[in-house]
Each structure stands twice: as structure tokens, then as C-alpha cells.
Amino acid sequence: MAEQYTCRHHRHHRPSENQCSSSVIKHIKAPLNIVWSLVRRFDKPEEYKPFVSRCTVLEGDLEIGSVREVNVKSGLPATTSTERLELLDDQEHILGVKFVGGDHRLKNYSSIITVHPEMIDGRLGTLVIESFVVDVPHGNTGDETCYFVNALINCNLKSLADVSERMAVRTQSIEQ
């Protein structure tokens, strides 16, 4: 199923010679509605992204075209990232973001994240796919750049799983 979803929803422009592209898949043991409630919050990425310390919406009303400034925690080679919401579809559960500024090396970075229902161990779960395309910085290879971005995405998706699964347990406890 992941391959079908990737072909259907993760249509980035074809990477040029100086770009790289990849995708990361994560299975989360929490229902889609919980996972999507976190992913879709363009104004609150710090709720699950461990490297984000603060987010300020600079323009827009959280619809397509809105712009946010994300403050990055120390330890990464950046302090800020300015990002535009490119795609938000609550029916298909798709969020697309493009970096439009900041003091990082991820130039022309754009990502698409989708969430899909699935069964995990007989319970409602969520399949999350995040893909990206980005320029390869001068002095780096495509493999190095993809490795770095994939590591960040993996960290974010692990945190998304942890937060979502805790929320699911709390919701289940309340319902019982």
C-alpha cells in the first residue's frame, strides 16, 4: 500500500542534477484522527518535532499560502526556517511545506507528508509517509544530503509516533 500512496500523493517535480529526493515510511500504533490532528497543525510543529523550539505564523490564516517561522533548537546547523504551507487536504490527509528562507543549508526544500489508516496487530493504526526534494549543498553529495534529511525525518516521525501513541492510550483510558 505504501508504494501506491507514494505514487498517488508524493508527486514532487523531478529532481534536477543538483537535487536529491527520498521518502520515509512509519507505522504508528494510533488511529489516523490522532496522528492527523498533530501533523495538520502548521502552526504547532513543536508538538511532535523535537528540533523545533517555537513556531510563529508570519502571514495567513493557516490555509494554503500561510507562512511560518520555525525556531530550531541548538545542535542543528540552523537557528530559523521560514516555511510556506503549500498543500493542506483534510479529506486525503496531505500536508505539503516548502522552505522559503532561513539560515539553513536546505535550499529549495519541499516535503509532502500523508497519513493513511491501517490495521496494526488487529488495532487501528496509521501509515505515515513523508517525502522530500532538496538542493544538494555545495561540498556535499546527494547521498550525504539524503542521509541527513532522512535522519531528521526519521527522528520527527519517531517522535510523532511516541506522542500519538501516548494520546491514543489516554483516549482509550478515558473511554473505558
C-alpha atoms as a PDB file:
ATOM      1  CA  MET A   1       0.000   0.000   0.000  1.00  0.00           C
ATOM      2  CA  ALA A   2       2.818   2.418   0.819  1.00  0.00           C
ATOM      3  CA  GLU A   3       4.059   2.296  -2.758  1.00  0.00           C
ATOM      4  CA  GLN A   4       0.570   3.053  -4.111  1.00  0.00           C
ATOM      5  CA  TYR A   5       0.169   6.013  -1.729  1.00  0.00           C
ATOM      6  CA  THR A   6       3.618   7.306  -2.642  1.00  0.00           C
ATOM      7  CA  CYS A   7       2.875   7.169  -6.370  1.00  0.00           C
ATOM      8  CA  ARG A   8      -0.508   8.835  -5.864  1.00  0.00           C
ATOM      9  CA  HIS A   9       0.293  11.620  -3.388  1.00  0.00           C
ATOM     10  CA  HIS A  10       4.046  12.225  -3.346  1.00  0.00           C
ATOM     11  CA  ARG A  11       4.497  13.835  -6.720  1.00  0.00           C
ATOM     12  CA  HIS A  12       7.432  16.197  -6.438  1.00  0.00           C
ATOM     13  CA  HIS A  13       8.876  17.725  -9.554  1.00  0.00           C
ATOM     14  CA  ARG A  14      11.581  15.513 -10.990  1.00  0.00           C
ATOM     15  CA  PRO A  15      14.820  16.287  -9.103  1.00  0.00           C
ATOM     16  CA  SER A  16      17.450  18.067 -11.175  1.00  0.00           C
ATOM     17  CA  GLU A  17      21.129  17.067 -11.215  1.00  0.00           C
ATOM     18  CA  ASN A  18      21.864  19.167  -8.122  1.00  0.00           C
ATOM     19  CA  GLN A  19      18.943  17.817  -6.083  1.00  0.00           C
ATOM     20  CA  CYS A  20      18.111  14.682  -4.171  1.00  0.00           C
ATOM     21  CA  SER A  21      14.821  13.140  -3.156  1.00  0.00           C
ATOM     22  CA  SER A  22      13.702  10.383  -0.832  1.00  0.00           C
ATOM     23  CA  SER A  23      10.808   9.188   1.296  1.00  0.00           C
ATOM     24  CA  VAL A  24      10.412   7.724   4.769  1.00  0.00           C
ATOM     25  CA  ILE A  25       7.643   5.386   5.969  1.00  0.00           C
ATOM     26  CA  LYS A  26       6.480   4.992   9.579  1.00  0.00           C
ATOM     27  CA  HIS A  27       3.803   2.716  11.051  1.00  0.00           C
ATOM     28  CA  ILE A  28       2.165   4.269  14.107  1.00  0.00           C
ATOM     29  CA  LYS A  29       0.034   2.356  16.615  1.00  0.00           C
ATOM     30  CA  ALA A  30      -2.551   5.130  16.938  1.00  0.00           C
ATOM     31  CA  PRO A  31      -5.699   5.937  14.957  1.00  0.00           C
ATOM     32  CA  LEU A  32      -5.434   8.245  11.958  1.00  0.00           C
ATOM     33  CA  ASN A  33      -7.525  11.014  13.573  1.00  0.00           C
ATOM     34  CA  ILE A  34      -4.988  11.392  16.396  1.00  0.00           C
ATOM     35  CA  VAL A  35      -1.954  11.343  14.089  1.00  0.00           C
ATOM     36  CA  TRP A  36      -3.546  13.765  11.611  1.00  0.00           C
ATOM     37  CA  SER A  37      -4.523  16.155  14.428  1.00  0.00           C
ATOM     38  CA  LEU A  38      -0.794  16.624  15.099  1.00  0.00           C
ATOM     39  CA  VAL A  39       0.504  16.593  11.516  1.00  0.00           C
ATOM     40  CA  ARG A  40      -2.006  19.133  10.162  1.00  0.00           C
ATOM     41  CA  ARG A  41      -1.127  21.796  12.758  1.00  0.00           C
ATOM     42  CA  PHE A  42       1.058  24.001  10.569  1.00  0.00           C
ATOM     43  CA  ASP A  43       1.191  26.457  13.477  1.00  0.00           C
ATOM     44  CA  LYS A  44       2.322  23.879  16.083  1.00  0.00           C
ATOM     45  CA  PRO A  45       5.094  21.643  14.666  1.00  0.00           C
ATOM     46  CA  GLU A  46       6.778  21.700  18.080  1.00  0.00           C
ATOM     47  CA  GLU A  47       4.021  19.420  19.393  1.00  0.00           C
ATOM     48  CA  TYR A  48       5.892  16.494  17.887  1.00  0.00           C
ATOM     49  CA  LYS A  49       9.040  17.753  16.134  1.00  0.00           C
ATOM     50  CA  PRO A  50      11.830  17.565  18.723  1.00  0.00           C
ATOM     51  CA  PHE A  51      14.148  20.060  16.991  1.00  0.00           C
ATOM     52  CA  VAL A  52      11.549  22.863  16.922  1.00  0.00           C
ATOM     53  CA  SER A  53      11.578  25.175  19.931  1.00  0.00           C
ATOM     54  CA  ARG A  54       8.984  27.672  18.715  1.00  0.00           C
ATOM     55  CA  CYS A  55       6.796  28.498  15.727  1.00  0.00           C
ATOM     56  CA  THR A  56       5.319  31.859  14.772  1.00  0.00           C
ATOM     57  CA  VAL A  57       2.805  32.275  11.946  1.00  0.00           C
ATOM     58  CA  LEU A  58       4.015  35.291   9.956  1.00  0.00           C
ATOM     59  CA  GLU A  59       1.168  35.539   7.464  1.00  0.00           C
ATOM     60  CA  GLY A  60      -2.038  33.788   6.563  1.00  0.00           C
ATOM     61  CA  ASP A  61      -4.832  32.066   8.451  1.00  0.00           C
ATOM     62  CA  LEU A  62      -3.386  28.533   8.409  1.00  0.00           C
ATOM     63  CA  GLU A  63      -4.632  27.924   4.883  1.00  0.00           C
ATOM     64  CA  ILE A  64      -2.521  27.248   1.786  1.00  0.00           C
ATOM     65  CA  GLY A  65      -0.057  30.108   1.323  1.00  0.00           C
ATOM     66  CA  SER A  66       0.385  30.755   5.054  1.00  0.00           C
ATOM     67  CA  VAL A  67       3.976  31.330   6.178  1.00  0.00           C
ATOM     68  CA  ARG A  68       5.585  30.354   9.473  1.00  0.00           C
ATOM     69  CA  GLU A  69       8.949  30.951  11.073  1.00  0.00           C
ATOM     70  CA  VAL A  70      10.296  27.977  12.957  1.00  0.00           C
ATOM     71  CA  ASN A  71      12.994  28.392  15.608  1.00  0.00           C
ATOM     72  CA  VAL A  72      15.337  25.409  15.724  1.00  0.00           C
ATOM     73  CA  LYS A  73      16.861  24.082  18.960  1.00  0.00           C
ATOM     74  CA  SER A  74      20.617  24.221  19.261  1.00  0.00           C
ATOM     75  CA  GLY A  75      22.548  21.257  17.968  1.00  0.00           C
ATOM     76  CA  LEU A  76      21.471  21.579  14.345  1.00  0.00           C
ATOM     77  CA  PRO A  77      23.276  23.697  11.752  1.00  0.00           C
ATOM     78  CA  ALA A  78      20.452  26.282  11.750  1.00  0.00           C
ATOM     79  CA  THR A  79      18.503  28.593  14.054  1.00  0.00           C
ATOM     80  CA  THR A  80      15.475  29.513  11.911  1.00  0.00           C
ATOM     81  CA  SER A  81      13.489  28.275   8.959  1.00  0.00           C
ATOM     82  CA  THR A  82      10.800  30.214   7.092  1.00  0.00           C
ATOM     83  CA  GLU A  83       8.237  27.834   5.596  1.00  0.00           C
ATOM     84  CA  ARG A  84       5.140  28.155   3.412  1.00  0.00           C
ATOM     85  CA  LEU A  85       2.119  25.852   3.554  1.00  0.00           C
ATOM     86  CA  GLU A  86       1.810  24.515   0.000  1.00  0.00           C
ATOM     87  CA  LEU A  87      -0.820  21.820   0.429  1.00  0.00           C
ATOM     88  CA  LEU A  88      -3.407  21.005   3.086  1.00  0.00           C
ATOM     89  CA  ASP A  89      -6.094  18.417   2.382  1.00  0.00           C
ATOM     90  CA  ASP A  90      -8.126  17.251   5.375  1.00  0.00           C
ATOM     91  CA  GLN A  91     -10.017  14.701   3.266  1.00  0.00           C
ATOM     92  CA  GLU A  92      -6.953  12.939   1.845  1.00  0.00           C
ATOM     93  CA  HIS A  93      -4.771  13.800   4.891  1.00  0.00           C
ATOM     94  CA  ILE A  94      -1.958  15.525   2.978  1.00  0.00           C
ATOM     95  CA  LEU A  95       0.303  18.354   4.134  1.00  0.00           C
ATOM     96  CA  GLY A  96       2.917  19.979   1.912  1.00  0.00           C
ATOM     97  CA  VAL A  97       5.513  22.508   3.060  1.00  0.00           C
ATOM     98  CA  LYS A  98       8.220  24.452   1.193  1.00  0.00           C
ATOM     99  CA  PHE A  99      11.188  26.198   2.828  1.00  0.00           C
ATOM    100  CA  VAL A 100      11.315  29.783   1.575  1.00  0.00           C
ATOM    101  CA  GLY A 101      14.030  31.191   3.851  1.00  0.00           C
ATOM    102  CA  GLY A 102      16.096  30.719   6.969  1.00  0.00           C
ATOM    103  CA  ASP A 103      19.701  30.222   7.966  1.00  0.00           C
ATOM    104  CA  HIS A 104      19.998  26.565   6.988  1.00  0.00           C
ATOM    105  CA  ARG A 105      21.511  24.733   4.036  1.00  0.00           C
ATOM    106  CA  LEU A 106      18.289  23.086   2.830  1.00  0.00           C
ATOM    107  CA  LYS A 107      17.634  25.254  -0.224  1.00  0.00           C
ATOM    108  CA  ASN A 108      14.561  24.583  -2.364  1.00  0.00           C
ATOM    109  CA  TYR A 109      13.390  22.008   0.175  1.00  0.00           C
ATOM    110  CA  SER A 110       9.816  20.844  -0.166  1.00  0.00           C
ATOM    111  CA  SER A 111       8.114  17.983   1.602  1.00  0.00           C
ATOM    112  CA  ILE A 112       4.834  16.141   1.477  1.00  0.00           C
ATOM    113  CA  ILE A 113       3.517  14.129   4.407  1.00  0.00           C
ATOM    114  CA  THR A 114       0.491  11.860   4.123  1.00  0.00           C
ATOM    115  CA  VAL A 115      -1.291   9.737   6.705  1.00  0.00           C
ATOM    116  CA  HIS A 116      -3.328   6.642   5.892  1.00  0.00           C
ATOM    117  CA  PRO A 117      -5.399   4.263   8.015  1.00  0.00           C
ATOM    118  CA  GLU A 118      -4.123   0.746   8.515  1.00  0.00           C
ATOM    119  CA  MET A 119      -4.504  -2.143  10.924  1.00  0.00           C
ATOM    120  CA  ILE A 120      -1.558  -2.923  13.197  1.00  0.00           C
ATOM    121  CA  ASP A 121      -1.801  -6.002  15.404  1.00  0.00           C
ATOM    122  CA  GLY A 122      -5.599  -6.027  14.971  1.00  0.00           C
ATOM    123  CA  ARG A 123      -5.993  -2.383  16.047  1.00  0.00           C
ATOM    124  CA  LEU A 124      -6.472   0.884  14.218  1.00  0.00           C
ATOM    125  CA  GLY A 125      -3.126   2.328  13.232  1.00  0.00           C
ATOM    126  CA  THR A 126      -1.692   4.842  10.815  1.00  0.00           C
ATOM    127  CA  LEU A 127       0.766   4.614   7.952  1.00  0.00           C
ATOM    128  CA  VAL A 128       2.722   7.868   7.609  1.00  0.00           C
ATOM    129  CA  ILE A 129       4.784   8.675   4.523  1.00  0.00           C
ATOM    130  CA  GLU A 130       6.986  11.742   4.234  1.00  0.00           C
ATOM    131  CA  SER A 131       8.851  12.557   1.043  1.00  0.00           C
ATOM    132  CA  PHE A 132      11.067  15.466   0.069  1.00  0.00           C
ATOM    133  CA  VAL A 133      13.157  17.036  -2.644  1.00  0.00           C
ATOM    134  CA  VAL A 134      16.024  19.434  -1.870  1.00  0.00           C
ATOM    135  CA  ASP A 135      19.088  21.018  -3.444  1.00  0.00           C
ATOM    136  CA  VAL A 136      22.377  19.287  -2.651  1.00  0.00           C
ATOM    137  CA  PRO A 137      24.537  21.886  -0.862  1.00  0.00           C
ATOM    138  CA  HIS A 138      27.909  22.741  -2.372  1.00  0.00           C
ATOM    139  CA  GLY A 139      30.528  20.393  -0.937  1.00  0.00           C
ATOM    140  CA  ASN A 140      28.050  17.587  -0.226  1.00  0.00           C
ATOM    141  CA  THR A 141      26.891  14.606  -2.245  1.00  0.00           C
ATOM    142  CA  GLY A 142      23.289  13.638  -2.927  1.00  0.00           C
ATOM    143  CA  ASP A 143      23.715  10.579  -0.706  1.00  0.00           C
ATOM    144  CA  GLU A 144      25.023  12.693   2.192  1.00  0.00           C
ATOM    145  CA  THR A 145      22.179  15.173   1.835  1.00  0.00           C
ATOM    146  CA  CYS A 146      19.512  12.465   1.657  1.00  0.00           C
ATOM    147  CA  TYR A 147      21.059  10.684   4.649  1.00  0.00           C
ATOM    148  CA  PHE A 148      20.938  13.897   6.729  1.00  0.00           C
ATOM    149  CA  VAL A 149      17.346  14.776   5.773  1.00  0.00           C
ATOM    150  CA  ASN A 150      16.151  11.177   6.200  1.00  0.00           C
ATOM    151  CA  ALA A 151      17.687  11.140   9.692  1.00  0.00           C
ATOM    152  CA  LEU A 152      15.782  14.322  10.624  1.00  0.00           C
ATOM    153  CA  ILE A 153      12.523  12.948   9.213  1.00  0.00           C
ATOM    154  CA  ASN A 154      13.024   9.605  10.998  1.00  0.00           C
ATOM    155  CA  CYS A 155      13.545  11.466  14.261  1.00  0.00           C
ATOM    156  CA  ASN A 156      10.418  13.576  13.688  1.00  0.00           C
ATOM    157  CA  LEU A 157       8.316  10.537  12.777  1.00  0.00           C
ATOM    158  CA  LYS A 158       9.547   8.567  15.787  1.00  0.00           C
ATOM    159  CA  SER A 159       8.510  11.477  17.979  1.00  0.00           C
ATOM    160  CA  LEU A 160       5.166  11.691  16.131  1.00  0.00           C
ATOM    161  CA  ALA A 161       4.630   8.001  16.891  1.00  0.00           C
ATOM    162  CA  ASP A 162       5.537   8.452  20.564  1.00  0.00           C
ATOM    163  CA  VAL A 163       3.216  11.450  21.031  1.00  0.00           C
ATOM    164  CA  SER A 164       0.355   9.886  19.027  1.00  0.00           C
ATOM    165  CA  GLU A 165       0.582   6.551  20.811  1.00  0.00           C
ATOM    166  CA  ARG A 166       0.547   8.257  24.230  1.00  0.00           C
ATOM    167  CA  MET A 167      -2.518  10.267  23.145  1.00  0.00           C
ATOM    168  CA  ALA A 168      -4.210   7.064  21.946  1.00  0.00           C
ATOM    169  CA  VAL A 169      -3.590   5.334  25.284  1.00  0.00           C
ATOM    170  CA  ARG A 170      -5.014   8.342  27.175  1.00  0.00           C
ATOM    171  CA  THR A 171      -8.068   8.467  24.902  1.00  0.00           C
ATOM    172  CA  GLN A 172      -8.610   4.724  25.306  1.00  0.00           C
ATOM    173  CA  SER A 173      -8.343   5.032  29.126  1.00  0.00           C
ATOM    174  CA  ILE A 174     -10.923   7.827  29.189  1.00  0.00           C
ATOM    175  CA  GLU A 175     -13.330   5.843  27.006  1.00  0.00           C
ATOM    176  CA  GLN A 176     -13.173   2.781  29.276  1.00  0.00           C
END
